[in-house]
């Protein structure tokens, strides 16, 4: 039993397919803003969580170990970039 695609259903499927990149960008923006906020408010705790046995993230956080000011600066950049990315998304 095959279902024939009508113009309405084919358009719906196309719009759903086109929304996945926007959804992925929105999820990335949410992650960036959230991670940035935590890094801004609790830089030492946040870096300590990821500096040991963290599936390869140790190298990523190494520049921030014992440097909370550097982590806060990076957090501001993360938040600004995440907000800019989210602002670019269309409905």
N, C-alpha and C. Protein backbone atom coordinates (compact mmCIF):
# COMPACT_ATOMS: atom_id res chain seq x y z
N UNK A 1 0.84 -1.17 0.00
CA UNK A 1 0.00 0.00 0.00
C UNK A 1 0.89 1.25 0.00
N UNK A 2 0.98 1.94 -1.11
CA UNK A 2 1.84 3.12 -1.15
C UNK A 2 1.00 4.37 -0.95
N UNK A 3 1.57 5.31 -0.26
CA UNK A 3 0.88 6.57 -0.03
C UNK A 3 1.41 7.59 -1.02
N UNK A 4 0.50 8.21 -1.72
CA UNK A 4 0.89 9.22 -2.69
C UNK A 4 1.15 10.54 -1.97
N UNK A 5 2.21 11.19 -2.37
CA UNK A 5 2.54 12.48 -1.77
C UNK A 5 1.69 13.57 -2.42
N UNK A 6 0.96 14.28 -1.61
CA UNK A 6 0.20 15.41 -2.12
C UNK A 6 1.07 16.65 -2.00
N UNK A 7 0.72 17.73 -2.69
CA UNK A 7 1.52 18.95 -2.55
C UNK A 7 1.61 19.43 -1.11
N UNK A 8 0.55 19.22 -0.34
CA UNK A 8 0.57 19.67 1.05
C UNK A 8 1.56 18.85 1.87
N UNK A 9 1.50 17.51 1.74
CA UNK A 9 2.40 16.68 2.55
C UNK A 9 3.83 16.80 2.07
N UNK A 10 4.06 16.93 0.78
CA UNK A 10 5.44 17.07 0.33
C UNK A 10 6.02 18.41 0.78
N UNK A 11 5.22 19.47 0.78
CA UNK A 11 5.68 20.76 1.28
C UNK A 11 5.97 20.72 2.77
N UNK A 12 5.14 19.99 3.52
CA UNK A 12 5.34 19.84 4.95
C UNK A 12 6.65 19.12 5.22
N UNK A 13 6.89 18.04 4.48
CA UNK A 13 8.14 17.30 4.67
C UNK A 13 9.34 18.17 4.32
N UNK A 14 9.25 18.95 3.26
CA UNK A 14 10.35 19.82 2.88
C UNK A 14 10.61 20.87 3.97
N UNK A 15 9.54 21.44 4.52
CA UNK A 15 9.74 22.46 5.56
C UNK A 15 10.32 21.84 6.82
N UNK A 16 9.95 20.59 7.14
CA UNK A 16 10.53 19.94 8.30
C UNK A 16 12.00 19.64 8.08
N UNK A 17 12.36 19.21 6.87
CA UNK A 17 13.76 18.93 6.56
C UNK A 17 14.59 20.21 6.64
N UNK A 18 14.04 21.31 6.16
CA UNK A 18 14.77 22.58 6.17
C UNK A 18 14.92 23.15 7.58
N UNK A 19 14.09 22.74 8.50
CA UNK A 19 14.17 23.30 9.85
C UNK A 19 15.24 22.63 10.70
N UNK A 20 15.75 21.47 10.30
CA UNK A 20 16.75 20.79 11.12
C UNK A 20 18.04 21.58 11.28
N UNK A 21 18.56 22.21 10.23
CA UNK A 21 19.76 23.04 10.46
C UNK A 21 19.49 24.19 11.43
N UNK A 22 18.31 24.80 11.33
CA UNK A 22 17.97 25.89 12.25
C UNK A 22 17.84 25.36 13.68
N UNK A 23 17.27 24.18 13.81
CA UNK A 23 17.14 23.58 15.16
C UNK A 23 18.51 23.25 15.73
N UNK A 24 19.40 22.73 14.90
CA UNK A 24 20.75 22.41 15.36
C UNK A 24 21.48 23.69 15.77
N UNK A 25 21.32 24.75 15.00
CA UNK A 25 21.94 26.03 15.35
C UNK A 25 21.37 26.57 16.66
N UNK A 26 20.07 26.43 16.83
CA UNK A 26 19.43 26.90 18.08
C UNK A 26 19.95 26.11 19.28
N UNK A 27 20.10 24.79 19.11
CA UNK A 27 20.62 23.96 20.19
C UNK A 27 22.06 24.35 20.52
N UNK A 28 22.86 24.63 19.49
CA UNK A 28 24.23 25.08 19.73
C UNK A 28 24.24 26.41 20.47
N UNK A 29 23.34 27.31 20.08
CA UNK A 29 23.26 28.61 20.75
C UNK A 29 22.88 28.45 22.22
N UNK A 30 21.92 27.58 22.49
CA UNK A 30 21.49 27.32 23.87
C UNK A 30 22.66 26.76 24.69
N UNK A 31 23.39 25.83 24.10
CA UNK A 31 24.55 25.25 24.79
C UNK A 31 25.59 26.33 25.09
N UNK A 32 25.87 27.18 24.09
CA UNK A 32 26.90 28.21 24.27
C UNK A 32 26.51 29.21 25.35
N UNK A 33 25.26 29.63 25.36
CA UNK A 33 24.81 30.59 26.36
C UNK A 33 24.83 29.95 27.75
N UNK A 34 24.31 28.73 27.86
CA UNK A 34 24.29 28.05 29.16
C UNK A 34 25.67 27.77 29.71
N UNK A 35 26.53 27.23 28.87
CA UNK A 35 27.89 26.93 29.30
C UNK A 35 28.62 28.22 29.65
N UNK A 36 28.38 29.26 28.86
CA UNK A 36 28.99 30.55 29.15
C UNK A 36 28.54 31.12 30.48
N UNK A 37 27.26 31.03 30.77
CA UNK A 37 26.75 31.55 32.05
C UNK A 37 27.36 30.81 33.24
N UNK A 38 27.44 29.50 33.13
CA UNK A 38 28.04 28.73 34.23
C UNK A 38 29.52 29.08 34.36
N UNK A 39 30.21 29.20 33.24
CA UNK A 39 31.63 29.57 33.27
C UNK A 39 31.86 30.97 33.81
N UNK A 40 30.90 31.85 33.59
CA UNK A 40 31.01 33.22 34.08
C UNK A 40 30.81 33.29 35.59
N UNK A 41 29.82 32.57 36.08
CA UNK A 41 29.45 32.64 37.50
C UNK A 41 30.33 31.75 38.37
N UNK A 42 30.69 30.56 37.87
CA UNK A 42 31.47 29.61 38.66
C UNK A 42 32.64 29.07 37.84
N UNK A 43 33.58 29.91 37.47
CA UNK A 43 34.64 29.46 36.55
C UNK A 43 35.51 28.33 37.10
N UNK A 44 35.91 28.41 38.36
CA UNK A 44 36.79 27.36 38.92
C UNK A 44 36.07 26.02 39.00
N UNK A 45 34.86 26.03 39.52
CA UNK A 45 34.11 24.78 39.65
C UNK A 45 33.85 24.16 38.28
N UNK A 46 33.49 25.00 37.32
CA UNK A 46 33.17 24.50 36.00
C UNK A 46 34.40 23.89 35.31
N UNK A 47 35.53 24.55 35.40
CA UNK A 47 36.76 24.02 34.80
C UNK A 47 37.19 22.75 35.52
N UNK A 48 37.11 22.75 36.85
CA UNK A 48 37.49 21.56 37.63
C UNK A 48 36.68 20.33 37.22
N UNK A 49 35.43 20.55 36.88
CA UNK A 49 34.56 19.44 36.48
C UNK A 49 35.06 18.76 35.21
N UNK A 50 35.66 19.53 34.33
CA UNK A 50 36.04 19.02 33.01
C UNK A 50 37.53 18.79 32.82
N UNK A 51 38.35 19.00 33.83
CA UNK A 51 39.80 18.93 33.61
C UNK A 51 40.39 17.52 33.76
N UNK A 52 39.67 16.59 34.36
CA UNK A 52 40.19 15.23 34.54
C UNK A 52 39.17 14.19 34.07
N UNK A 53 39.66 13.19 33.36
CA UNK A 53 38.83 12.05 32.93
C UNK A 53 37.49 12.50 32.36
N UNK A 54 37.51 13.39 31.38
CA UNK A 54 36.27 13.95 30.84
C UNK A 54 36.18 13.75 29.32
N UNK A 55 36.50 12.55 28.88
CA UNK A 55 36.32 12.17 27.48
C UNK A 55 37.01 13.10 26.49
N UNK A 56 38.21 13.49 26.80
CA UNK A 56 39.00 14.30 25.88
C UNK A 56 38.88 15.80 26.04
N UNK A 57 38.03 16.25 26.93
CA UNK A 57 37.87 17.70 27.10
C UNK A 57 39.00 18.32 27.93
N UNK A 58 39.84 17.46 28.48
CA UNK A 58 40.93 17.96 29.32
C UNK A 58 41.79 18.98 28.56
N UNK A 59 42.08 18.70 27.32
CA UNK A 59 42.92 19.61 26.52
C UNK A 59 42.20 20.93 26.25
N UNK A 60 40.88 20.88 26.13
CA UNK A 60 40.12 22.09 25.86
C UNK A 60 40.09 23.04 27.06
N UNK A 61 40.05 22.48 28.27
CA UNK A 61 39.96 23.34 29.46
C UNK A 61 41.31 23.67 30.06
N UNK A 62 42.37 23.03 29.57
CA UNK A 62 43.70 23.27 30.13
C UNK A 62 44.09 24.75 30.19
N UNK A 63 43.79 25.56 29.15
CA UNK A 63 44.16 26.99 29.24
C UNK A 63 43.43 27.75 30.34
N UNK A 64 42.38 27.17 30.91
CA UNK A 64 41.57 27.86 31.91
C UNK A 64 41.83 27.38 33.34
N UNK A 65 42.62 26.32 33.50
CA UNK A 65 42.90 25.79 34.84
C UNK A 65 43.65 26.86 35.64
N UNK A 66 43.13 27.18 36.81
CA UNK A 66 43.70 28.19 37.71
C UNK A 66 43.75 29.58 37.07
N UNK A 67 42.89 29.83 36.11
CA UNK A 67 42.79 31.15 35.47
C UNK A 67 41.33 31.55 35.33
N UNK A 68 40.66 31.86 36.44
CA UNK A 68 39.23 32.16 36.37
C UNK A 68 38.92 33.41 35.53
N UNK A 69 39.81 34.38 35.52
CA UNK A 69 39.59 35.58 34.71
C UNK A 69 39.55 35.24 33.22
N UNK A 70 40.45 34.36 32.81
CA UNK A 70 40.49 33.94 31.41
C UNK A 70 39.20 33.18 31.06
N UNK A 71 38.74 32.34 31.99
CA UNK A 71 37.50 31.59 31.74
C UNK A 71 36.31 32.53 31.67
N UNK A 72 36.29 33.55 32.51
CA UNK A 72 35.19 34.53 32.47
C UNK A 72 35.17 35.30 31.15
N UNK A 73 36.35 35.68 30.67
CA UNK A 73 36.43 36.38 29.39
C UNK A 73 35.90 35.49 28.26
N UNK A 74 36.32 34.23 28.27
CA UNK A 74 35.83 33.27 27.28
C UNK A 74 34.31 33.10 27.42
N UNK A 75 33.81 33.11 28.63
CA UNK A 75 32.37 32.97 28.86
C UNK A 75 31.59 34.11 28.22
N UNK A 76 32.10 35.31 28.34
CA UNK A 76 31.43 36.47 27.73
C UNK A 76 31.39 36.30 26.21
N UNK A 77 32.49 35.82 25.63
CA UNK A 77 32.53 35.58 24.19
C UNK A 77 31.53 34.48 23.81
N UNK A 78 31.48 33.41 24.60
CA UNK A 78 30.52 32.33 24.36
C UNK A 78 29.08 32.84 24.38
N UNK A 79 28.75 33.60 25.39
CA UNK A 79 27.38 34.10 25.53
C UNK A 79 27.03 35.02 24.36
N UNK A 80 27.92 35.92 24.02
CA UNK A 80 27.65 36.85 22.91
C UNK A 80 27.50 36.09 21.59
N UNK A 81 28.35 35.12 21.36
CA UNK A 81 28.27 34.33 20.12
C UNK A 81 26.99 33.51 20.08
N UNK A 82 26.63 32.90 21.21
CA UNK A 82 25.40 32.13 21.27
C UNK A 82 24.16 32.98 21.03
N UNK A 83 24.14 34.17 21.62
CA UNK A 83 23.00 35.07 21.40
C UNK A 83 22.94 35.54 19.95
N UNK A 84 24.10 35.82 19.36
CA UNK A 84 24.12 36.24 17.95
C UNK A 84 23.65 35.11 17.05
N UNK A 85 24.05 33.90 17.33
CA UNK A 85 23.62 32.75 16.54
C UNK A 85 22.11 32.56 16.66
N UNK A 86 21.59 32.65 17.87
CA UNK A 86 20.15 32.49 18.07
C UNK A 86 19.37 33.60 17.37
N UNK A 87 19.89 34.81 17.39
CA UNK A 87 19.19 35.93 16.77
C UNK A 87 19.11 35.79 15.26
N UNK A 88 20.02 35.05 14.67
CA UNK A 88 20.02 34.86 13.21
C UNK A 88 19.00 33.84 12.75
N UNK A 89 18.46 33.04 13.66
CA UNK A 89 17.53 31.99 13.27
C UNK A 89 16.17 32.56 12.94
N UNK A 90 15.60 32.06 11.87
CA UNK A 90 14.26 32.46 11.45
C UNK A 90 13.29 31.35 11.82
N UNK A 91 12.04 31.73 11.97
CA UNK A 91 11.03 30.74 12.33
C UNK A 91 10.69 29.89 11.13
